[in-house]
Amino acid sequence: MFDKVKFYGSATVGTKGQIVIPVEARADLNIKEGDKVIVVRAPHGGGLMVLKADMLEEIIAQTQAKLGSFAQTAKNIQQAIKKENI
């Protein structure tokens, strides 16, 4: 997990609660002016995670597809159990 962590630098919170995303992070993640980002609390608290909104949509779609596949597998197992009267 930590092999994919990259440190981009630091930012200072301004008087309006704003931070600047470091230029290298914006370049690596293709974040451009006007892009929407989602800000969530990191697991276990103590930090924030910033995700591009379109990336979050992709993650949700992939998760839904995996859940659909899991649901179909569960349904197939239930049908097999009923068929075998287990």
PDB file of N, CA and C in Angstrom:
ATOM      1  N   MET A   1       0.819  -1.191   0.000  1.00  0.00           N
ATOM      2  CA  MET A   1       0.000   0.000   0.000  1.00  0.00           C
ATOM      3  C   MET A   1       0.865   1.258   0.000  1.00  0.00           C
ATOM      4  N   PHE A   2       1.872   1.305   0.857  1.00  0.00           N
ATOM      5  CA  PHE A   2       2.680   2.511   0.969  1.00  0.00           C
ATOM      6  C   PHE A   2       3.639   2.675  -0.200  1.00  0.00           C
ATOM      7  N   ASP A   3       3.829   1.626  -1.020  1.00  0.00           N
ATOM      8  CA  ASP A   3       4.695   1.777  -2.176  1.00  0.00           C
ATOM      9  C   ASP A   3       4.075   2.687  -3.230  1.00  0.00           C
ATOM     10  N   LYS A   4       2.771   2.950  -3.141  1.00  0.00           N
ATOM     11  CA  LYS A   4       2.099   3.825  -4.088  1.00  0.00           C
ATOM     12  C   LYS A   4       1.897   5.227  -3.540  1.00  0.00           C
ATOM     13  N   VAL A   5       2.337   5.470  -2.315  1.00  0.00           N
ATOM     14  CA  VAL A   5       2.214   6.791  -1.705  1.00  0.00           C
ATOM     15  C   VAL A   5       3.313   7.684  -2.255  1.00  0.00           C
ATOM     16  N   LYS A   6       2.950   8.900  -2.611  1.00  0.00           N
ATOM     17  CA  LYS A   6       3.941   9.849  -3.117  1.00  0.00           C
ATOM     18  C   LYS A   6       3.786  11.155  -2.362  1.00  0.00           C
ATOM     19  N   PHE A   7       4.883  11.690  -1.874  1.00  0.00           N
ATOM     20  CA  PHE A   7       4.879  12.962  -1.166  1.00  0.00           C
ATOM     21  C   PHE A   7       5.097  14.078  -2.170  1.00  0.00           C
ATOM     22  N   TYR A   8       4.159  15.010  -2.229  1.00  0.00           N
ATOM     23  CA  TYR A   8       4.252  16.114  -3.178  1.00  0.00           C
ATOM     24  C   TYR A   8       4.739  17.410  -2.548  1.00  0.00           C
ATOM     25  N   GLY A   9       4.789  17.469  -1.253  1.00  0.00           N
ATOM     26  CA  GLY A   9       5.183  18.707  -0.593  1.00  0.00           C
ATOM     27  C   GLY A   9       4.164  19.054   0.466  1.00  0.00           C
ATOM     28  N   SER A  10       4.137  20.299   0.840  1.00  0.00           N
ATOM     29  CA  SER A  10       3.195  20.732   1.866  1.00  0.00           C
ATOM     30  C   SER A  10       2.433  21.951   1.365  1.00  0.00           C
ATOM     31  N   ALA A  11       1.367  22.258   2.082  1.00  0.00           N
ATOM     32  CA  ALA A  11       0.573  23.439   1.765  1.00  0.00           C
ATOM     33  C   ALA A  11       0.167  24.085   3.080  1.00  0.00           C
ATOM     34  N   THR A  12      -0.041  25.367   3.049  1.00  0.00           N
ATOM     35  CA  THR A  12      -0.472  26.103   4.230  1.00  0.00           C
ATOM     36  C   THR A  12      -1.931  26.495   4.052  1.00  0.00           C
ATOM     37  N   VAL A  13      -2.709  26.287   5.098  1.00  0.00           N
ATOM     38  CA  VAL A  13      -4.122  26.654   5.054  1.00  0.00           C
ATOM     39  C   VAL A  13      -4.229  28.168   5.219  1.00  0.00           C
ATOM     40  N   GLY A  14      -4.916  28.794   4.268  1.00  0.00           N
ATOM     41  CA  GLY A  14      -5.089  30.245   4.317  1.00  0.00           C
ATOM     42  C   GLY A  14      -6.233  30.652   5.231  1.00  0.00           C
ATOM     43  N   THR A  15      -6.466  31.947   5.328  1.00  0.00           N
ATOM     44  CA  THR A  15      -7.486  32.482   6.229  1.00  0.00           C
ATOM     45  C   THR A  15      -8.896  32.024   5.860  1.00  0.00           C
ATOM     46  N   LYS A  16      -9.132  31.688   4.605  1.00  0.00           N
ATOM     47  CA  LYS A  16     -10.442  31.208   4.167  1.00  0.00           C
ATOM     48  C   LYS A  16     -10.503  29.683   4.125  1.00  0.00           C
ATOM     49  N   GLY A  17      -9.485  29.009   4.686  1.00  0.00           N
ATOM     50  CA  GLY A  17      -9.467  27.555   4.699  1.00  0.00           C
ATOM     51  C   GLY A  17      -8.985  26.949   3.394  1.00  0.00           C
ATOM     52  N   GLN A  18      -8.424  27.744   2.513  1.00  0.00           N
ATOM     53  CA  GLN A  18      -7.984  27.261   1.209  1.00  0.00           C
ATOM     54  C   GLN A  18      -6.551  26.744   1.265  1.00  0.00           C
ATOM     55  N   ILE A  19      -6.281  25.741   0.417  1.00  0.00           N
ATOM     56  CA  ILE A  19      -4.916  25.258   0.232  1.00  0.00           C
ATOM     57  C   ILE A  19      -4.619  25.225  -1.259  1.00  0.00           C
ATOM     58  N   VAL A  20      -3.344  25.235  -1.591  1.00  0.00           N
ATOM     59  CA  VAL A  20      -2.912  25.137  -2.982  1.00  0.00           C
ATOM     60  C   VAL A  20      -2.367  23.733  -3.194  1.00  0.00           C
ATOM     61  N   ILE A  21      -2.874  23.051  -4.204  1.00  0.00           N
ATOM     62  CA  ILE A  21      -2.369  21.726  -4.544  1.00  0.00           C
ATOM     63  C   ILE A  21      -1.030  21.920  -5.253  1.00  0.00           C
ATOM     64  N   PRO A  22       0.021  21.271  -4.772  1.00  0.00           N
ATOM     65  CA  PRO A  22       1.339  21.455  -5.394  1.00  0.00           C
ATOM     66  C   PRO A  22       1.324  21.171  -6.894  1.00  0.00           C
ATOM     67  N   VAL A  23       2.116  21.927  -7.644  1.00  0.00           N
ATOM     68  CA  VAL A  23       2.131  21.847  -9.105  1.00  0.00           C
ATOM     69  C   VAL A  23       2.452  20.431  -9.596  1.00  0.00           C
ATOM     70  N   GLU A  24       3.377  19.732  -8.947  1.00  0.00           N
ATOM     71  CA  GLU A  24       3.725  18.377  -9.385  1.00  0.00           C
ATOM     72  C   GLU A  24       2.530  17.431  -9.230  1.00  0.00           C
ATOM     73  N   ALA A  25       1.769  17.597  -8.150  1.00  0.00           N
ATOM     74  CA  ALA A  25       0.575  16.767  -7.938  1.00  0.00           C
ATOM     75  C   ALA A  25      -0.459  17.067  -9.011  1.00  0.00           C
ATOM     76  N   ARG A  26      -0.658  18.341  -9.313  1.00  0.00           N
ATOM     77  CA  ARG A  26      -1.630  18.706 -10.362  1.00  0.00           C
ATOM     78  C   ARG A  26      -1.214  18.127 -11.706  1.00  0.00           C
ATOM     79  N   ALA A  27       0.074  18.162 -12.001  1.00  0.00           N
ATOM     80  CA  ALA A  27       0.563  17.619 -13.271  1.00  0.00           C
ATOM     81  C   ALA A  27       0.398  16.102 -13.319  1.00  0.00           C
ATOM     82  N   ASP A  28       0.826  15.410 -12.256  1.00  0.00           N
ATOM     83  CA  ASP A  28       0.734  13.945 -12.220  1.00  0.00           C
ATOM     84  C   ASP A  28      -0.702  13.455 -12.323  1.00  0.00           C
ATOM     85  N   LEU A  29      -1.619  14.200 -11.693  1.00  0.00           N
ATOM     86  CA  LEU A  29      -3.010  13.765 -11.621  1.00  0.00           C
ATOM     87  C   LEU A  29      -3.910  14.473 -12.628  1.00  0.00           C
ATOM     88  N   ASN A  30      -3.288  15.270 -13.486  1.00  0.00           N
ATOM     89  CA  ASN A  30      -4.013  15.988 -14.531  1.00  0.00           C
ATOM     90  C   ASN A  30      -5.155  16.828 -13.957  1.00  0.00           C
ATOM     91  N   ILE A  31      -4.872  17.536 -12.881  1.00  0.00           N
ATOM     92  CA  ILE A  31      -5.853  18.424 -12.271  1.00  0.00           C
ATOM     93  C   ILE A  31      -5.656  19.809 -12.867  1.00  0.00           C
ATOM     94  N   LYS A  32      -6.728  20.315 -13.461  1.00  0.00           N
ATOM     95  CA  LYS A  32      -6.654  21.608 -14.124  1.00  0.00           C
ATOM     96  C   LYS A  32      -7.642  22.590 -13.488  1.00  0.00           C
ATOM     97  N   GLU A  33      -7.427  23.866 -13.756  1.00  0.00           N
ATOM     98  CA  GLU A  33      -8.330  24.897 -13.256  1.00  0.00           C
ATOM     99  C   GLU A  33      -9.762  24.564 -13.655  1.00  0.00           C
ATOM    100  N   GLY A  34     -10.665  24.649 -12.709  1.00  0.00           N
ATOM    101  CA  GLY A  34     -12.083  24.370 -12.979  1.00  0.00           C
ATOM    102  C   GLY A  34     -12.493  22.938 -12.704  1.00  0.00           C
ATOM    103  N   ASP A  35     -11.522  22.021 -12.550  1.00  0.00           N
ATOM    104  CA  ASP A  35     -11.864  20.634 -12.225  1.00  0.00           C
ATOM    105  C   ASP A  35     -12.517  20.569 -10.850  1.00  0.00           C
ATOM    106  N   LYS A  36     -13.478  19.681 -10.700  1.00  0.00           N
ATOM    107  CA  LYS A  36     -14.117  19.451  -9.408  1.00  0.00           C
ATOM    108  C   LYS A  36     -13.328  18.397  -8.653  1.00  0.00           C
ATOM    109  N   VAL A  37     -13.150  18.624  -7.363  1.00  0.00           N
ATOM    110  CA  VAL A  37     -12.492  17.647  -6.514  1.00  0.00           C
ATOM    111  C   VAL A  37     -13.408  17.341  -5.335  1.00  0.00           C
ATOM    112  N   ILE A  38     -13.258  16.140  -4.811  1.00  0.00           N
ATOM    113  CA  ILE A  38     -14.004  15.692  -3.651  1.00  0.00           C
ATOM    114  C   ILE A  38     -13.027  15.631  -2.489  1.00  0.00           C
ATOM    115  N   VAL A  39     -13.412  16.173  -1.351  1.00  0.00           N
ATOM    116  CA  VAL A  39     -12.560  16.176  -0.165  1.00  0.00           C
ATOM    117  C   VAL A  39     -13.238  15.320   0.895  1.00  0.00           C
ATOM    118  N   VAL A  40     -12.536  14.279   1.351  1.00  0.00           N
ATOM    119  CA  VAL A  40     -13.089  13.377   2.361  1.00  0.00           C
ATOM    120  C   VAL A  40     -12.069  13.184   3.483  1.00  0.00           C
ATOM    121  N   ARG A  41     -12.590  12.826   4.643  1.00  0.00           N
ATOM    122  CA  ARG A  41     -11.704  12.530   5.771  1.00  0.00           C
ATOM    123  C   ARG A  41     -11.009  11.203   5.504  1.00  0.00           C
ATOM    124  N   ALA A  42      -9.741  11.140   5.776  1.00  0.00           N
ATOM    125  CA  ALA A  42      -8.979   9.904   5.598  1.00  0.00           C
ATOM    126  C   ALA A  42      -9.445   8.871   6.622  1.00  0.00           C
ATOM    127  N   PRO A  43      -9.291   7.571   6.278  1.00  0.00           N
ATOM    128  CA  PRO A  43      -9.644   6.541   7.249  1.00  0.00           C
ATOM    129  C   PRO A  43      -8.896   6.788   8.557  1.00  0.00           C
ATOM    130  N   HIS A  44      -9.551   6.587   9.651  1.00  0.00           N
ATOM    131  CA  HIS A  44      -8.986   6.759  10.999  1.00  0.00           C
ATOM    132  C   HIS A  44      -8.754   8.223  11.342  1.00  0.00           C
ATOM    133  N   GLY A  45      -9.239   9.155  10.519  1.00  0.00           N
ATOM    134  CA  GLY A  45      -9.131  10.572  10.829  1.00  0.00           C
ATOM    135  C   GLY A  45      -7.719  11.101  10.691  1.00  0.00           C
ATOM    136  N   GLY A  46      -7.549  12.332  11.074  1.00  0.00           N
ATOM    137  CA  GLY A  46      -6.226  12.928  11.081  1.00  0.00           C
ATOM    138  C   GLY A  46      -5.752  13.479   9.756  1.00  0.00           C
ATOM    139  N   GLY A  47      -6.562  13.391   8.720  1.00  0.00           N
ATOM    140  CA  GLY A  47      -6.117  13.905   7.433  1.00  0.00           C
ATOM    141  C   GLY A  47      -7.259  13.971   6.437  1.00  0.00           C
ATOM    142  N   LEU A  48      -6.953  14.472   5.275  1.00  0.00           N
ATOM    143  CA  LEU A  48      -7.924  14.598   4.198  1.00  0.00           C
ATOM    144  C   LEU A  48      -7.413  13.875   2.965  1.00  0.00           C
ATOM    145  N   MET A  49      -8.350  13.428   2.160  1.00  0.00           N
ATOM    146  CA  MET A  49      -8.024  12.878   0.845  1.00  0.00           C
ATOM    147  C   MET A  49      -8.746  13.748  -0.180  1.00  0.00           C
ATOM    148  N   VAL A  50      -8.065  14.070  -1.246  1.00  0.00           N
ATOM    149  CA  VAL A  50      -8.636  14.875  -2.316  1.00  0.00           C
ATOM    150  C   VAL A  50      -8.670  14.000  -3.564  1.00  0.00           C
ATOM    151  N   LEU A  51      -9.850  13.823  -4.128  1.00  0.00           N
ATOM    152  CA  LEU A  51     -10.016  13.005  -5.327  1.00  0.00           C
ATOM    153  C   LEU A  51     -10.653  13.840  -6.426  1.00  0.00           C
ATOM    154  N   LYS A  52     -10.214  13.629  -7.648  1.00  0.00           N
ATOM    155  CA  LYS A  52     -10.912  14.261  -8.767  1.00  0.00           C
ATOM    156  C   LYS A  52     -12.305  13.655  -8.835  1.00  0.00           C
ATOM    157  N   ALA A  53     -13.306  14.481  -9.056  1.00  0.00           N
ATOM    158  CA  ALA A  53     -14.687  14.009  -9.071  1.00  0.00           C
ATOM    159  C   ALA A  53     -14.894  12.916 -10.118  1.00  0.00           C
ATOM    160  N   ASP A  54     -14.289  13.061 -11.306  1.00  0.00           N
ATOM    161  CA  ASP A  54     -14.480  12.043 -12.338  1.00  0.00           C
ATOM    162  C   ASP A  54     -13.828  10.721 -11.948  1.00  0.00           C
ATOM    163  N   MET A  55     -12.758  10.766 -11.161  1.00  0.00           N
ATOM    164  CA  MET A  55     -12.115   9.550 -10.683  1.00  0.00           C
ATOM    165  C   MET A  55     -13.022   8.839  -9.686  1.00  0.00           C
ATOM    166  N   LEU A  56     -13.677   9.594  -8.830  1.00  0.00           N
ATOM    167  CA  LEU A  56     -14.598   9.010  -7.864  1.00  0.00           C
ATOM    168  C   LEU A  56     -15.753   8.326  -8.593  1.00  0.00           C
ATOM    169  N   GLU A  57     -16.251   8.948  -9.651  1.00  0.00           N
ATOM    170  CA  GLU A  57     -17.320   8.336 -10.449  1.00  0.00           C
ATOM    171  C   GLU A  57     -16.860   7.003 -11.034  1.00  0.00           C
ATOM    172  N   GLU A  58     -15.608   6.944 -11.494  1.00  0.00           N
ATOM    173  CA  GLU A  58     -15.056   5.709 -12.049  1.00  0.00           C
ATOM    174  C   GLU A  58     -14.940   4.636 -10.964  1.00  0.00           C
ATOM    175  N   ILE A  59     -14.482   5.022  -9.782  1.00  0.00           N
ATOM    176  CA  ILE A  59     -14.360   4.080  -8.670  1.00  0.00           C
ATOM    177  C   ILE A  59     -15.730   3.511  -8.305  1.00  0.00           C
ATOM    178  N   ILE A  60     -16.746   4.374  -8.267  1.00  0.00           N
ATOM    179  CA  ILE A  60     -18.102   3.924  -7.946  1.00  0.00           C
ATOM    180  C   ILE A  60     -18.606   2.950  -9.011  1.00  0.00           C
ATOM    181  N   ALA A  61     -18.379   3.254 -10.275  1.00  0.00           N
ATOM    182  CA  ALA A  61     -18.823   2.369 -11.358  1.00  0.00           C
ATOM    183  C   ALA A  61     -18.136   1.009 -11.274  1.00  0.00           C
ATOM    184  N   GLN A  62     -16.829   1.000 -10.995  1.00  0.00           N
ATOM    185  CA  GLN A  62     -16.100  -0.274 -10.868  1.00  0.00           C
ATOM    186  C   GLN A  62     -16.609  -1.072  -9.677  1.00  0.00           C
ATOM    187  N   THR A  63     -16.887  -0.392  -8.576  1.00  0.00           N
ATOM    188  CA  THR A  63     -17.392  -1.061  -7.379  1.00  0.00           C
ATOM    189  C   THR A  63     -18.763  -1.659  -7.653  1.00  0.00           C
ATOM    190  N   GLN A  64     -19.628  -0.909  -8.316  1.00  0.00           N
ATOM    191  CA  GLN A  64     -20.957  -1.409  -8.645  1.00  0.00           C
ATOM    192  C   GLN A  64     -20.869  -2.635  -9.556  1.00  0.00           C
ATOM    193  N   ALA A  65     -19.951  -2.620 -10.510  1.00  0.00           N
ATOM    194  CA  ALA A  65     -19.781  -3.760 -11.405  1.00  0.00           C
ATOM    195  C   ALA A  65     -19.329  -4.989 -10.626  1.00  0.00           C
ATOM    196  N   LYS A  66     -18.392  -4.801  -9.697  1.00  0.00           N
ATOM    197  CA  LYS A  66     -17.916  -5.923  -8.891  1.00  0.00           C
ATOM    198  C   LYS A  66     -19.015  -6.452  -7.985  1.00  0.00           C
ATOM    199  N   LEU A  67     -19.803  -5.551  -7.412  1.00  0.00           N
ATOM    200  CA  LEU A  67     -20.906  -5.980  -6.556  1.00  0.00           C
ATOM    201  C   LEU A  67     -21.954  -6.738  -7.362  1.00  0.00           C
ATOM    202  N   GLY A  68     -22.203  -6.283  -8.579  1.00  0.00           N
ATOM    203  CA  GLY A  68     -23.148  -6.981  -9.446  1.00  0.00           C
ATOM    204  C   GLY A  68     -22.665  -8.391  -9.750  1.00  0.00           C
ATOM    205  N   SER A  69     -21.380  -8.528 -10.026  1.00  0.00           N
ATOM    206  CA  SER A  69     -20.793  -9.838 -10.290  1.00  0.00           C
ATOM    207  C   SER A  69     -20.890 -10.724  -9.056  1.00  0.00           C
ATOM    208  N   PHE A  70     -20.629 -10.151  -7.891  1.00  0.00           N
ATOM    209  CA  PHE A  70     -20.722 -10.890  -6.632  1.00  0.00           C
ATOM    210  C   PHE A  70     -22.162 -11.340  -6.390  1.00  0.00           C
ATOM    211  N   ALA A  71     -23.120 -10.442  -6.641  1.00  0.00           N
ATOM    212  CA  ALA A  71     -24.529 -10.774  -6.440  1.00  0.00           C
ATOM    213  C   ALA A  71     -24.951 -11.919  -7.358  1.00  0.00           C
ATOM    214  N   GLN A  72     -24.478 -11.900  -8.602  1.00  0.00           N
ATOM    215  CA  GLN A  72     -24.823 -12.970  -9.531  1.00  0.00           C
ATOM    216  C   GLN A  72     -24.225 -14.295  -9.072  1.00  0.00           C
ATOM    217  N   THR A  73     -22.990 -14.273  -8.589  1.00  0.00           N
ATOM    218  CA  THR A  73     -22.353 -15.488  -8.076  1.00  0.00           C
ATOM    219  C   THR A  73     -23.134 -16.032  -6.882  1.00  0.00           C
ATOM    220  N   ALA A  74     -23.541 -15.145  -5.982  1.00  0.00           N
ATOM    221  CA  ALA A  74     -24.326 -15.564  -4.812  1.00  0.00           C
ATOM    222  C   ALA A  74     -25.647 -16.179  -5.251  1.00  0.00           C
ATOM    223  N   LYS A  75     -26.278 -15.586  -6.250  1.00  0.00           N
ATOM    224  CA  LYS A  75     -27.550 -16.105  -6.769  1.00  0.00           C
ATOM    225  C   LYS A  75     -27.338 -17.499  -7.369  1.00  0.00           C
ATOM    226  N   ASN A  76     -26.249 -17.671  -8.109  1.00  0.00           N
ATOM    227  CA  ASN A  76     -25.945 -18.978  -8.695  1.00  0.00           C
ATOM    228  C   ASN A  76     -25.724 -20.029  -7.617  1.00  0.00           C
ATOM    229  N   ILE A  77     -25.053 -19.665  -6.548  1.00  0.00           N
ATOM    230  CA  ILE A  77     -24.818 -20.592  -5.432  1.00  0.00           C
ATOM    231  C   ILE A  77     -26.135 -20.958  -4.776  1.00  0.00           C
ATOM    232  N   GLN A  78     -27.002 -19.963  -4.555  1.00  0.00           N
ATOM    233  CA  GLN A  78     -28.308 -20.234  -3.948  1.00  0.00           C
ATOM    234  C   GLN A  78     -29.116 -21.190  -4.818  1.00  0.00           C
ATOM    235  N   GLN A  79     -29.092 -20.992  -6.116  1.00  0.00           N
ATOM    236  CA  GLN A  79     -29.829 -21.871  -7.026  1.00  0.00           C
ATOM    237  C   GLN A  79     -29.270 -23.287  -6.990  1.00  0.00           C
ATOM    238  N   ALA A  80     -27.956 -23.417  -6.925  1.00  0.00           N
ATOM    239  CA  ALA A  80     -27.319 -24.742  -6.859  1.00  0.00           C
ATOM    240  C   ALA A  80     -27.695 -25.446  -5.559  1.00  0.00           C
ATOM    241  N   ILE A  81     -27.733 -24.689  -4.460  1.00  0.00           N
ATOM    242  CA  ILE A  81     -28.101 -25.277  -3.169  1.00  0.00           C
ATOM    243  C   ILE A  81     -29.551 -25.761  -3.203  1.00  0.00           C
ATOM    244  N   LYS A  82     -30.437 -24.959  -3.749  1.00  0.00           N
ATOM    245  CA  LYS A  82     -31.842 -25.359  -3.843  1.00  0.00           C
ATOM    246  C   LYS A  82     -31.997 -26.595  -4.719  1.00  0.00           C
ATOM    247  N   LYS A  83     -31.254 -26.641  -5.794  1.00  0.00           N
ATOM    248  CA  LYS A  83     -31.327 -27.753  -6.731  1.00  0.00           C
ATOM    249  C   LYS A  83     -30.878 -29.060  -6.060  1.00  0.00           C
ATOM    250  N   GLU A  84     -29.898 -28.970  -5.182  1.00  0.00           N
ATOM    251  CA  GLU A  84     -29.353 -30.138  -4.499  1.00  0.00           C
ATOM    252  C   GLU A  84     -30.079 -30.428  -3.176  1.00  0.00           C
ATOM    253  N   ASN A  85     -31.060 -29.583  -2.827  1.00  0.00           N
ATOM    254  CA  ASN A  85     -31.806 -29.707  -1.576  1.00  0.00           C
ATOM    255  C   ASN A  85     -30.872 -29.765  -0.359  1.00  0.00           C
ATOM    256  N   ILE A  86     -29.921 -28.885  -0.332  1.00  0.00           N
ATOM    257  CA  ILE A  86     -28.961 -28.829   0.796  1.00  0.00           C
ATOM    258  C   ILE A  86     -29.512 -27.922   1.858  1.00  0.00           C
TER     259      ILE A  86
END
